[in-house]
C-alpha atoms as a PDB file:
ATOM      1  CA  MET A   1      27.369  -9.472  24.589  1.00  0.00           C
ATOM      2  CA  LEU A   2      23.939  -8.950  26.169  1.00  0.00           C
ATOM      3  CA  LYS A   3      24.100  -5.196  25.433  1.00  0.00           C
ATOM      4  CA  LYS A   4      24.955  -5.891  21.781  1.00  0.00           C
ATOM      5  CA  THR A   5      22.073  -8.372  21.514  1.00  0.00           C
ATOM      6  CA  ILE A   6      19.664  -5.801  22.936  1.00  0.00           C
ATOM      7  CA  GLN A   7      20.887  -3.163  20.479  1.00  0.00           C
ATOM      8  CA  ILE A   8      20.434  -5.540  17.527  1.00  0.00           C
ATOM      9  CA  SER A   9      16.965  -6.513  18.741  1.00  0.00           C
ATOM     10  CA  GLY A  10      16.033  -2.856  19.058  1.00  0.00           C
ATOM     11  CA  LEU A  11      17.259  -2.152  15.534  1.00  0.00           C
ATOM     12  CA  LEU A  12      15.286  -5.086  14.149  1.00  0.00           C
ATOM     13  CA  PHE A  13      12.160  -3.830  15.913  1.00  0.00           C
ATOM     14  CA  VAL A  14      12.559  -0.359  14.397  1.00  0.00           C
ATOM     15  CA  LEU A  15      13.076  -1.867  10.944  1.00  0.00           C
ATOM     16  CA  PHE A  16       9.992  -4.034  11.455  1.00  0.00           C
ATOM     17  CA  CYS A  17       7.910  -0.963  12.342  1.00  0.00           C
ATOM     18  CA  LEU A  18       9.213   0.952   9.340  1.00  0.00           C
ATOM     19  CA  VAL A  19       8.287  -1.920   7.027  1.00  0.00           C
ATOM     20  CA  ARG A  20       4.757  -2.003   8.446  1.00  0.00           C
ATOM     21  CA  VAL A  21       4.165   1.735   8.018  1.00  0.00           C
ATOM     22  CA  PRO A  22       2.612   2.640   4.646  1.00  0.00           C
ATOM     23  CA  VAL A  23       4.695   4.819   2.324  1.00  0.00           C
ATOM     24  CA  MET A  24       2.660   7.823   1.221  1.00  0.00           C
ATOM     25  CA  ALA A  25       2.965  11.151  -0.527  1.00  0.00           C
ATOM     26  CA  SER A  26       1.880  14.354   1.204  1.00  0.00           C
ATOM     27  CA  SER A  27      -1.305  14.611  -0.808  1.00  0.00           C
ATOM     28  CA  PHE A  28      -4.740  13.051  -0.849  1.00  0.00           C
ATOM     29  CA  GLN A  29      -7.769  12.906  -3.109  1.00  0.00           C
ATOM     30  CA  ILE A  30     -11.347  14.043  -2.670  1.00  0.00           C
ATOM     31  CA  ILE A  31     -13.830  11.903  -4.574  1.00  0.00           C
ATOM     32  CA  ARG A  32     -17.238  13.452  -5.024  1.00  0.00           C
ATOM     33  CA  PHE A  33     -20.046  11.280  -6.348  1.00  0.00           C
ATOM     34  CA  THR A  34     -22.259  13.035  -8.886  1.00  0.00           C
ATOM     35  CA  ASP A  35     -25.015  11.978 -11.300  1.00  0.00           C
ATOM     36  CA  GLN A  36     -22.335  11.798 -14.013  1.00  0.00           C
ATOM     37  CA  GLY A  37     -20.048   9.593 -11.943  1.00  0.00           C
ATOM     38  CA  PRO A  38     -17.204  10.213  -9.493  1.00  0.00           C
ATOM     39  CA  VAL A  39     -15.206  13.446  -9.790  1.00  0.00           C
ATOM     40  CA  THR A  40     -11.691  13.401  -8.322  1.00  0.00           C
ATOM     41  CA  VAL A  41      -9.764  16.385  -6.978  1.00  0.00           C
ATOM     42  CA  ARG A  42      -6.187  15.905  -5.741  1.00  0.00           C
ATOM     43  CA  VAL A  43      -5.003  18.210  -2.977  1.00  0.00           C
ATOM     44  CA  ASP A  44      -1.414  18.533  -1.728  1.00  0.00           C
ATOM     45  CA  VAL A  45      -0.012  20.148   1.375  1.00  0.00           C
ATOM     46  CA  ASP A  46       1.396  23.148  -0.506  1.00  0.00           C
ATOM     47  CA  ALA A  47      -2.078  24.094  -1.718  1.00  0.00           C
ATOM     48  CA  MET A  48      -3.402  24.003   1.858  1.00  0.00           C
ATOM     49  CA  HIS A  49      -0.597  26.026   3.458  1.00  0.00           C
ATOM     50  CA  PRO A  50      -2.340  29.426   3.049  1.00  0.00           C
ATOM     51  CA  HIS A  51      -5.188  28.082   5.187  1.00  0.00           C
ATOM     52  CA  ALA A  52      -3.024  26.397   7.841  1.00  0.00           C
ATOM     53  CA  VAL A  53      -3.976  26.826  11.503  1.00  0.00           C
ATOM     54  CA  GLY A  54      -2.587  25.493  14.759  1.00  0.00           C
ATOM     55  CA  LEU A  55      -4.431  23.229  17.173  1.00  0.00           C
ATOM     56  CA  LYS A  56      -3.392  22.147  20.655  1.00  0.00           C
ATOM     57  CA  ALA A  57      -4.761  18.715  21.401  1.00  0.00           C
ATOM     58  CA  VAL A  58      -4.113  15.419  23.136  1.00  0.00           C
ATOM     59  CA  ASP A  59      -4.127  12.547  20.675  1.00  0.00           C
ATOM     60  CA  PRO A  60      -5.958   9.740  22.548  1.00  0.00           C
ATOM     61  CA  ASN A  61      -3.764   7.215  20.736  1.00  0.00           C
ATOM     62  CA  PHE A  62      -0.661   8.852  22.252  1.00  0.00           C
ATOM     63  CA  LYS A  63      -1.887  10.109  25.608  1.00  0.00           C
ATOM     64  CA  GLN A  64       1.596   9.769  27.051  1.00  0.00           C
ATOM     65  CA  ASP A  65       2.718  12.691  24.847  1.00  0.00           C
ATOM     66  CA  GLY A  66       0.263  15.028  26.560  1.00  0.00           C
ATOM     67  CA  LEU A  67      -0.798  18.290  24.954  1.00  0.00           C
ATOM     68  CA  THR A  68       0.810  18.632  21.510  1.00  0.00           C
ATOM     69  CA  ASP A  69       0.750  21.208  18.720  1.00  0.00           C
ATOM     70  CA  PHE A  70      -0.780  20.166  15.408  1.00  0.00           C
ATOM     71  CA  THR A  71      -0.749  22.207  12.204  1.00  0.00           C
ATOM     72  CA  GLY A  72      -3.229  21.602   9.413  1.00  0.00           C
ATOM     73  CA  ILE A  73      -6.426  22.762   7.771  1.00  0.00           C
ATOM     74  CA  ARG A  74      -9.883  22.698   9.311  1.00  0.00           C
ATOM     75  CA  LEU A  75     -12.180  20.422   7.327  1.00  0.00           C
ATOM     76  CA  LYS A  76     -14.795  23.167   7.289  1.00  0.00           C
ATOM     77  CA  THR A  77     -12.259  25.454   5.599  1.00  0.00           C
ATOM     78  CA  LEU A  78     -11.112  22.742   3.198  1.00  0.00           C
ATOM     79  CA  PHE A  79     -14.551  22.059   1.785  1.00  0.00           C
ATOM     80  CA  SER A  80     -15.498  25.740   1.767  1.00  0.00           C
ATOM     81  CA  GLU A  81     -12.349  26.852  -0.081  1.00  0.00           C
ATOM     82  CA  TRP A  82     -12.526  24.011  -2.602  1.00  0.00           C
ATOM     83  CA  GLY A  83     -16.254  24.570  -3.147  1.00  0.00           C
ATOM     84  CA  ILE A  84     -17.296  21.025  -2.276  1.00  0.00           C
ATOM     85  CA  PRO A  85     -20.609  20.446  -0.441  1.00  0.00           C
ATOM     86  CA  THR A  86     -20.406  17.814   2.287  1.00  0.00           C
ATOM     87  CA  GLY A  87     -23.985  16.528   2.241  1.00  0.00           C
ATOM     88  CA  ASP A  88     -24.719  14.647   5.459  1.00  0.00           C
ATOM     89  CA  GLY A  89     -21.014  13.992   6.025  1.00  0.00           C
ATOM     90  CA  VAL A  90     -17.796  12.669   4.511  1.00  0.00           C
ATOM     91  CA  THR A  91     -15.887   9.380   4.707  1.00  0.00           C
ATOM     92  CA  VAL A  92     -12.146   9.711   5.352  1.00  0.00           C
ATOM     93  CA  VAL A  93     -10.098   6.646   4.387  1.00  0.00           C
ATOM     94  CA  GLY A  94      -6.467   5.798   5.151  1.00  0.00           C
ATOM     95  CA  THR A  95      -4.092   3.851   2.929  1.00  0.00           C
ATOM     96  CA  ASP A  96      -4.834   0.840   5.148  1.00  0.00           C
ATOM     97  CA  GLN A  97      -8.564   1.157   4.249  1.00  0.00           C
ATOM     98  CA  TYR A  98      -9.422   2.069   7.855  1.00  0.00           C
ATOM     99  CA  LEU A  99     -12.096   4.768   7.719  1.00  0.00           C
ATOM    100  CA  GLY A 100     -13.944   7.402   9.671  1.00  0.00           C
ATOM    101  CA  PHE A 101     -17.332   8.866   8.786  1.00  0.00           C
ATOM    102  CA  ILE A 102     -17.481  12.508   9.890  1.00  0.00           C
ATOM    103  CA  PRO A 103     -21.031  13.872  10.070  1.00  0.00           C
ATOM    104  CA  ALA A 104     -21.699  17.293   8.536  1.00  0.00           C
ATOM    105  CA  GLN A 105     -22.518  18.727  11.976  1.00  0.00           C
ATOM    106  CA  ASP A 106     -19.021  17.879  13.228  1.00  0.00           C
ATOM    107  CA  ILE A 107     -17.523  19.612  10.198  1.00  0.00           C
ATOM    108  CA  GLN A 108     -19.667  22.694  10.797  1.00  0.00           C
ATOM    109  CA  LYS A 109     -18.687  22.720  14.474  1.00  0.00           C
ATOM    110  CA  ASP A 110     -15.134  23.223  13.184  1.00  0.00           C
ATOM    111  CA  ILE A 111     -13.661  20.572  15.478  1.00  0.00           C
ATOM    112  CA  ALA A 112     -11.973  18.385  12.830  1.00  0.00           C
ATOM    113  CA  LEU A 113      -8.467  19.152  11.557  1.00  0.00           C
ATOM    114  CA  LEU A 114      -6.529  17.503   8.738  1.00  0.00           C
ATOM    115  CA  ALA A 115      -3.037  17.770  10.210  1.00  0.00           C
ATOM    116  CA  TRP A 116       0.362  17.418   8.539  1.00  0.00           C
ATOM    117  CA  GLN A 117       2.666  18.758  11.281  1.00  0.00           C
ATOM    118  CA  LEU A 118       3.221  17.723  14.876  1.00  0.00           C
ATOM    119  CA  ASN A 119       5.152  20.116  17.111  1.00  0.00           C
ATOM    120  CA  GLY A 120       6.437  21.930  14.037  1.00  0.00           C
ATOM    121  CA  HIS A 121       7.673  18.824  12.205  1.00  0.00           C
ATOM    122  CA  PRO A 122       6.124  16.589   9.523  1.00  0.00           C
ATOM    123  CA  ILE A 123       4.049  13.806  11.062  1.00  0.00           C
ATOM    124  CA  SER A 124       5.927  10.517  10.719  1.00  0.00           C
ATOM    125  CA  GLY A 125       4.337   7.313   9.552  1.00  0.00           C
ATOM    126  CA  LEU A 126       4.778   5.851  13.033  1.00  0.00           C
ATOM    127  CA  MET A 127       2.540   8.644  14.337  1.00  0.00           C
ATOM    128  CA  GLY A 128      -0.090   8.244  11.612  1.00  0.00           C
ATOM    129  CA  GLY A 129       1.330  10.684   9.046  1.00  0.00           C
ATOM    130  CA  PRO A 130       2.021  12.261   6.759  1.00  0.00           C
ATOM    131  CA  MET A 131      -1.596  13.407   7.250  1.00  0.00           C
ATOM    132  CA  LYS A 132      -4.121  12.451   9.888  1.00  0.00           C
ATOM    133  CA  ILE A 133      -7.448  13.622  11.299  1.00  0.00           C
ATOM    134  CA  VAL A 134      -7.353  15.077  14.828  1.00  0.00           C
ATOM    135  CA  TYR A 135      -9.965  16.909  16.883  1.00  0.00           C
ATOM    136  CA  SER A 136     -10.151  19.921  19.163  1.00  0.00           C
ATOM    137  CA  ARG A 137      -9.779  19.462  22.902  1.00  0.00           C
ATOM    138  CA  GLY A 138     -13.068  18.781  24.628  1.00  0.00           C
ATOM    139  CA  ALA A 139     -14.781  17.642  21.418  1.00  0.00           C
ATOM    140  CA  GLY A 140     -15.574  14.280  22.988  1.00  0.00           C
ATOM    141  CA  ILE A 141     -14.514  12.291  19.931  1.00  0.00           C
ATOM    142  CA  HIS A 142     -13.492   8.668  20.412  1.00  0.00           C
ATOM    143  CA  GLY A 143      -9.894   7.751  19.610  1.00  0.00           C
ATOM    144  CA  SER A 144     -11.030   5.421  16.806  1.00  0.00           C
ATOM    145  CA  CYS A 145     -12.110   8.505  14.830  1.00  0.00           C
ATOM    146  CA  TYR A 146      -8.561   9.889  14.619  1.00  0.00           C
ATOM    147  CA  ILE A 147      -7.877   8.610  11.102  1.00  0.00           C
ATOM    148  CA  TRP A 148      -4.248   7.934  10.135  1.00  0.00           C
ATOM    149  CA  TYR A 149      -2.510   7.844   6.739  1.00  0.00           C
ATOM    150  CA  VAL A 150      -5.246   9.942   5.092  1.00  0.00           C
ATOM    151  CA  ASP A 151      -5.499   8.864   1.467  1.00  0.00           C
ATOM    152  CA  THR A 152      -9.028   9.616   0.239  1.00  0.00           C
ATOM    153  CA  ILE A 153     -12.106  11.579   1.305  1.00  0.00           C
ATOM    154  CA  PHE A 154     -15.422  10.453  -0.173  1.00  0.00           C
ATOM    155  CA  VAL A 155     -18.240  12.986  -0.478  1.00  0.00           C
ATOM    156  CA  GLY A 156     -21.867  12.323  -1.370  1.00  0.00           C
ATOM    157  CA  GLU A 157     -24.038   9.298  -2.075  1.00  0.00           C
ATOM    158  CA  PRO A 158     -22.728   6.958  -4.808  1.00  0.00           C
ATOM    159  CA  ASN A 159     -25.578   7.546  -7.268  1.00  0.00           C
ATOM    160  CA  LEU A 160     -25.310   5.595 -10.527  1.00  0.00           C
ATOM    161  CA  PRO A 161     -21.834   4.215  -9.786  1.00  0.00           C
ATOM    162  CA  PHE A 162     -19.951   2.185 -12.351  1.00  0.00           C
ATOM    163  CA  LEU A 163     -16.944  -0.124 -12.397  1.00  0.00           C
ATOM    164  CA  GLU A 164     -14.096   0.177 -14.861  1.00  0.00           C
ATOM    165  CA  PHE A 165     -12.890  -2.919 -16.690  1.00  0.00           C
ATOM    166  CA  THR A 166      -9.505  -2.592 -18.372  1.00  0.00           C
ATOM    167  CA  ARG A 167      -7.811  -4.951 -20.801  1.00  0.00           C
ATOM    168  CA  GLY A 168      -4.691  -3.630 -22.500  1.00  0.00           C
ATOM    169  CA  HIS A 169      -5.301  -0.027 -23.546  1.00  0.00           C
ATOM    170  CA  VAL A 170      -9.101  -0.321 -23.519  1.00  0.00           C
ATOM    171  CA  THR A 171     -11.215   0.630 -20.503  1.00  0.00           C
ATOM    172  CA  LYS A 172     -14.970  -0.012 -20.400  1.00  0.00           C
ATOM    173  CA  LYS A 173     -17.562   1.274 -17.967  1.00  0.00           C
ATOM    174  CA  VAL A 174     -19.601  -1.460 -16.305  1.00  0.00           C
ATOM    175  CA  PHE A 175     -22.961  -0.325 -14.880  1.00  0.00           C
ATOM    176  CA  PRO A 176     -24.723  -2.498 -12.268  1.00  0.00           C
ATOM    177  CA  GLU A 177     -28.130  -2.145 -13.945  1.00  0.00           C
ATOM    178  CA  LYS A 178     -26.722  -3.966 -16.983  1.00  0.00           C
ATOM    179  CA  LEU A 179     -25.684  -6.915 -14.822  1.00  0.00           C
ATOM    180  CA  LYS A 180     -29.128  -7.823 -13.505  1.00  0.00           C
ATOM    181  CA  ALA A 181     -29.275 -11.099 -15.426  1.00  0.00           C
ATOM    182  CA  ASP A 182     -26.304 -12.427 -13.438  1.00  0.00           C
ATOM    183  CA  MET A 183     -27.094 -10.714 -10.140  1.00  0.00           C
ATOM    184  CA  GLN A 184     -27.484 -12.878  -7.045  1.00  0.00           C
ATOM    185  CA  THR A 185     -28.711 -12.277  -3.503  1.00  0.00           C
ATOM    186  CA  LEU A 186     -26.136 -13.188  -0.871  1.00  0.00           C
ATOM    187  CA  ASP A 187     -26.356 -14.036   2.791  1.00  0.00           C
ATOM    188  CA  PRO A 188     -25.725 -10.691   4.569  1.00  0.00           C
ATOM    189  CA  ASN A 189     -23.516 -12.512   7.076  1.00  0.00           C
ATOM    190  CA  ILE A 190     -20.746 -12.802   4.468  1.00  0.00           C
ATOM    191  CA  PHE A 191     -20.858  -9.072   3.713  1.00  0.00           C
ATOM    192  CA  SER A 192     -17.881  -7.370   5.361  1.00  0.00           C
ATOM    193  CA  ILE A 193     -17.443  -3.670   6.052  1.00  0.00           C
ATOM    194  CA  PRO A 194     -14.186  -1.793   6.742  1.00  0.00           C
ATOM    195  CA  GLN A 195     -12.973  -1.207  10.253  1.00  0.00           C
ATOM    196  CA  GLY A 196     -13.304   2.296  11.559  1.00  0.00           C
ATOM    197  CA  CYS A 197     -15.440   5.015  13.121  1.00  0.00           C
ATOM    198  CA  LYS A 198     -18.856   5.133  11.431  1.00  0.00           C
ATOM    199  CA  LYS A 199     -20.825   7.118  13.999  1.00  0.00           C
ATOM    200  CA  SER A 200     -24.297   8.009  12.666  1.00  0.00           C
ATOM    201  CA  ARG A 201     -23.878   5.878   9.533  1.00  0.00           C
ATOM    202  CA  GLU A 202     -24.192   2.728  11.623  1.00  0.00           C
ATOM    203  CA  THR A 203     -27.946   3.323  12.059  1.00  0.00           C
ATOM    204  CA  LYS A 204     -28.586   4.122   8.383  1.00  0.00           C
ATOM    205  CA  ARG A 205     -29.173   0.698   6.923  1.00  0.00           C
ATOM    206  CA  TYR A 206     -30.447   0.167   3.388  1.00  0.00           C
ATOM    207  CA  GLY A 207     -31.767  -3.316   4.088  1.00  0.00           C
ATOM    208  CA  GLU A 208     -29.954  -6.543   4.756  1.00  0.00           C
ATOM    209  CA  GLU A 209     -30.207  -7.927   1.223  1.00  0.00           C
ATOM    210  CA  ILE A 210     -26.811  -7.952  -0.482  1.00  0.00           C
ATOM    211  CA  ARG A 211     -26.919  -7.978  -4.266  1.00  0.00           C
ATOM    212  CA  ALA A 212     -23.778  -9.160  -5.989  1.00  0.00           C
ATOM    213  CA  ILE A 213     -22.411 -10.616  -9.186  1.00  0.00           C
ATOM    214  CA  PRO A 214     -19.707 -13.279  -9.582  1.00  0.00           C
ATOM    215  CA  LEU A 215     -16.393 -11.772 -10.634  1.00  0.00           C
ATOM    216  CA  GLN A 216     -16.154 -14.529 -13.234  1.00  0.00           C
ATOM    217  CA  SER A 217     -19.363 -13.253 -14.899  1.00  0.00           C
ATOM    218  CA  ILE A 218     -17.892  -9.778 -15.368  1.00  0.00           C
ATOM    219  CA  ILE A 219     -14.722 -11.235 -16.849  1.00  0.00           C
ATOM    220  CA  GLU A 220     -16.607 -13.484 -19.255  1.00  0.00           C
ATOM    221  CA  LYS A 221     -18.718 -10.587 -20.504  1.00  0.00           C
ATOM    222  CA  HIS A 222     -15.894  -8.092 -20.995  1.00  0.00           C
ATOM    223  CA  ALA A 223     -12.673 -10.028 -21.646  1.00  0.00           C
ATOM    224  CA  ASP A 224     -12.059 -10.816 -25.309  1.00  0.00           C
ATOM    225  CA  ARG A 225      -9.600 -13.652 -24.557  1.00  0.00           C
ATOM    226  CA  PRO A 226      -8.607 -15.915 -21.638  1.00  0.00           C
ATOM    227  CA  VAL A 227      -7.484 -14.130 -18.484  1.00  0.00           C
ATOM    228  CA  GLN A 228      -4.369 -15.190 -16.553  1.00  0.00           C
ATOM    229  CA  LYS A 229      -4.300 -12.530 -13.865  1.00  0.00           C
ATOM    230  CA  ILE A 230      -6.603  -9.902 -12.366  1.00  0.00           C
ATOM    231  CA  THR A 231      -5.664  -6.702 -10.541  1.00  0.00           C
ATOM    232  CA  LEU A 232      -8.354  -5.217  -8.318  1.00  0.00           C
ATOM    233  CA  VAL A 233      -7.817  -1.460  -8.001  1.00  0.00           C
ATOM    234  CA  PRO A 234      -9.657   0.420  -5.223  1.00  0.00           C
ATOM    235  CA  PHE A 235     -10.354   4.152  -4.973  1.00  0.00           C
ATOM    236  CA  ALA A 236      -8.521   4.144  -1.637  1.00  0.00           C
ATOM    237  CA  GLY A 237      -5.732   1.930  -0.379  1.00  0.00           C
ATOM    238  CA  ALA A 238      -3.615  -0.653  -2.152  1.00  0.00           C
ATOM    239  CA  GLY A 239      -4.855  -2.948  -4.877  1.00  0.00           C
ATOM    240  CA  ILE A 240      -4.271  -6.682  -5.046  1.00  0.00           C
ATOM    241  CA  LYS A 241      -3.405  -9.148  -7.799  1.00  0.00           C
ATOM    242  CA  ILE A 242      -5.069 -12.532  -8.005  1.00  0.00           C
ATOM    243  CA  GLY A 243      -4.242 -15.455 -10.270  1.00  0.00           C
ATOM    244  CA  LYS A 244      -6.717 -17.276 -12.470  1.00  0.00           C
ATOM    245  CA  GLN A 245      -6.879 -20.149  -9.967  1.00  0.00           C
ATOM    246  CA  ILE A 246      -8.809 -17.906  -7.569  1.00  0.00           C
ATOM    247  CA  LEU A 247     -11.424 -17.265 -10.261  1.00  0.00           C
ATOM    248  CA  SER A 248     -12.555 -20.875  -9.842  1.00  0.00           C
ATOM    249  CA  TYR A 249     -13.835 -19.918  -6.374  1.00  0.00           C
ATOM    250  CA  PRO A 250     -17.119 -18.027  -5.819  1.00  0.00           C
ATOM    251  CA  VAL A 251     -15.631 -14.516  -5.646  1.00  0.00           C
ATOM    252  CA  TYR A 252     -18.338 -11.829  -5.700  1.00  0.00           C
ATOM    253  CA  ILE A 253     -18.534  -8.113  -6.414  1.00  0.00           C
ATOM    254  CA  ALA A 254     -21.074  -6.597  -4.011  1.00  0.00           C
ATOM    255  CA  LEU A 255     -23.145  -4.058  -5.950  1.00  0.00           C
ATOM    256  CA  SER A 256     -25.823  -2.854  -3.549  1.00  0.00           C
ATOM    257  CA  ARG A 257     -27.292  -3.261  -0.106  1.00  0.00           C
ATOM    258  CA  GLY A 258     -31.030  -3.341  -0.503  1.00  0.00           C
ATOM    259  CA  GLU A 259     -32.172  -0.931  -3.216  1.00  0.00           C
ATOM    260  CA  LYS A 260     -29.313   1.544  -2.835  1.00  0.00           C
ATOM    261  CA  PRO A 261     -25.642   1.468  -3.811  1.00  0.00           C
ATOM    262  CA  ILE A 262     -23.225   0.692  -0.999  1.00  0.00           C
ATOM    263  CA  HIS A 263     -22.178   3.861   0.817  1.00  0.00           C
ATOM    264  CA  SER A 264     -18.459   4.634   1.129  1.00  0.00           C
ATOM    265  CA  SER A 265     -18.700   4.317   4.926  1.00  0.00           C
ATOM    266  CA  LEU A 266     -19.558   0.645   4.311  1.00  0.00           C
ATOM    267  CA  GLY A 267     -16.762   0.097   1.789  1.00  0.00           C
ATOM    268  CA  GLY A 268     -18.660   1.104  -1.358  1.00  0.00           C
ATOM    269  CA  PRO A 269     -19.560   1.848  -3.990  1.00  0.00           C
ATOM    270  CA  PHE A 270     -18.354  -1.717  -4.659  1.00  0.00           C
ATOM    271  CA  SER A 271     -16.520  -4.303  -2.606  1.00  0.00           C
ATOM    272  CA  VAL A 272     -15.033  -7.695  -3.352  1.00  0.00           C
ATOM    273  CA  ILE A 273     -16.070 -10.696  -1.274  1.00  0.00           C
ATOM    274  CA  PHE A 274     -13.681 -13.657  -1.068  1.00  0.00           C
ATOM    275  CA  PRO A 275     -15.097 -16.897   0.463  1.00  0.00           C
ATOM    276  CA  VAL A 276     -12.243 -17.390   2.918  1.00  0.00           C
ATOM    277  CA  GLU A 277     -14.391 -18.991   5.633  1.00  0.00           C
ATOM    278  CA  GLN A 278     -15.825 -21.545   3.218  1.00  0.00           C
ATOM    279  CA  HIS A 279     -12.459 -22.076   1.508  1.00  0.00           C
ATOM    280  CA  PRO A 280      -9.613 -21.686   4.051  1.00  0.00           C
ATOM    281  CA  GLU A 281      -7.070 -22.551   1.365  1.00  0.00           C
ATOM    282  CA  LEU A 282      -7.524 -18.994   0.052  1.00  0.00           C
ATOM    283  CA  SER A 283      -5.796 -17.649   3.160  1.00  0.00           C
ATOM    284  CA  GLY A 284      -2.555 -15.983   2.190  1.00  0.00           C
ATOM    285  CA  MET A 285      -3.748 -15.371  -1.375  1.00  0.00           C
ATOM    286  CA  VAL A 286      -6.449 -12.801  -0.548  1.00  0.00           C
ATOM    287  CA  PRO A 287      -6.963 -10.300   2.320  1.00  0.00           C
ATOM    288  CA  ASP A 288      -7.228 -12.042   5.694  1.00  0.00           C
ATOM    289  CA  PHE A 289     -10.676 -10.579   6.420  1.00  0.00           C
ATOM    290  CA  GLY A 290     -12.004 -11.814   3.076  1.00  0.00           C
ATOM    291  CA  ALA A 291     -12.800  -8.515   1.365  1.00  0.00           C
ATOM    292  CA  LEU A 292     -11.391  -5.632  -0.637  1.00  0.00           C
ATOM    293  CA  PHE A 293     -13.259  -2.353  -0.278  1.00  0.00           C
ATOM    294  CA  PHE A 294     -13.860   0.777  -2.416  1.00  0.00           C
ATOM    295  CA  LEU A 295     -13.399  -1.127  -5.685  1.00  0.00           C
ATOM    296  CA  LYS A 296     -12.882   1.154  -8.681  1.00  0.00           C
ATOM    297  CA  GLU A 297     -11.360  -0.915 -11.484  1.00  0.00           C
ATOM    298  CA  ILE A 298     -10.759  -4.484 -12.620  1.00  0.00           C
ATOM    299  CA  VAL A 299      -7.633  -4.903 -14.760  1.00  0.00           C
ATOM    300  CA  ALA A 300      -7.366  -8.134 -16.718  1.00  0.00           C
ATOM    301  CA  GLU A 301      -4.128  -9.572 -18.105  1.00  0.00           C
END
């Protein structure tokens, strides 16, 4: 009886882990910010196969596995072959919105690999797959910088970013400079940033002043009839749906930090701030940490 109980418990644990692991396709997107807005390129594993290389490394998150064989594409090769300049670095984001900022010098050192195979097999979700960032042996990179579930790579500064507001079949571009009349300055202590490895970006601060606009103001300006439900769609990671009851709370869209747009390594170009600490009753209806990052689009129903 005890043996059967242990087997059932083990099965339940495996099922629990499988439920927690994000379901992803073997592709990702590169979003490059330009003066005309973001440009998106989708890349799948098949397109990268001609440039595949092997890398022997010890994943610090799985030290017990020892030296393992990874197969993938060097980030230096990826950006060179796709003709995408990296600027001062790139922000790699997983489907869980965990991120890693990789400075340009680390890319040029050729130490970063976007891997899709482990010991000759596809990388499972339990191991951070189907794609993850790993580094060469001896690179001295902290384990927090090994990004799992790679979903999106942001390139460049978010110059002149805009939000999309969709109602039915109509999508409008919403530019921050046209929202100045409703813009407010928030206490920087309520401004959240994603978890992850930010390295040199941590010292590049644009000022502590957070400029934001109430979500309700955007809806009132762009919705032609009452709204019952809102879907917040990010560039990277899963979106969330909120009911109209949440719109009665002071939910903000963070537009800039100081004079500059919010960098992707800080969750930009836009992020959503939910007042969970001030209103604990929101717990369970919005993300636990009170924010949604990398906001791209607001869909009203």
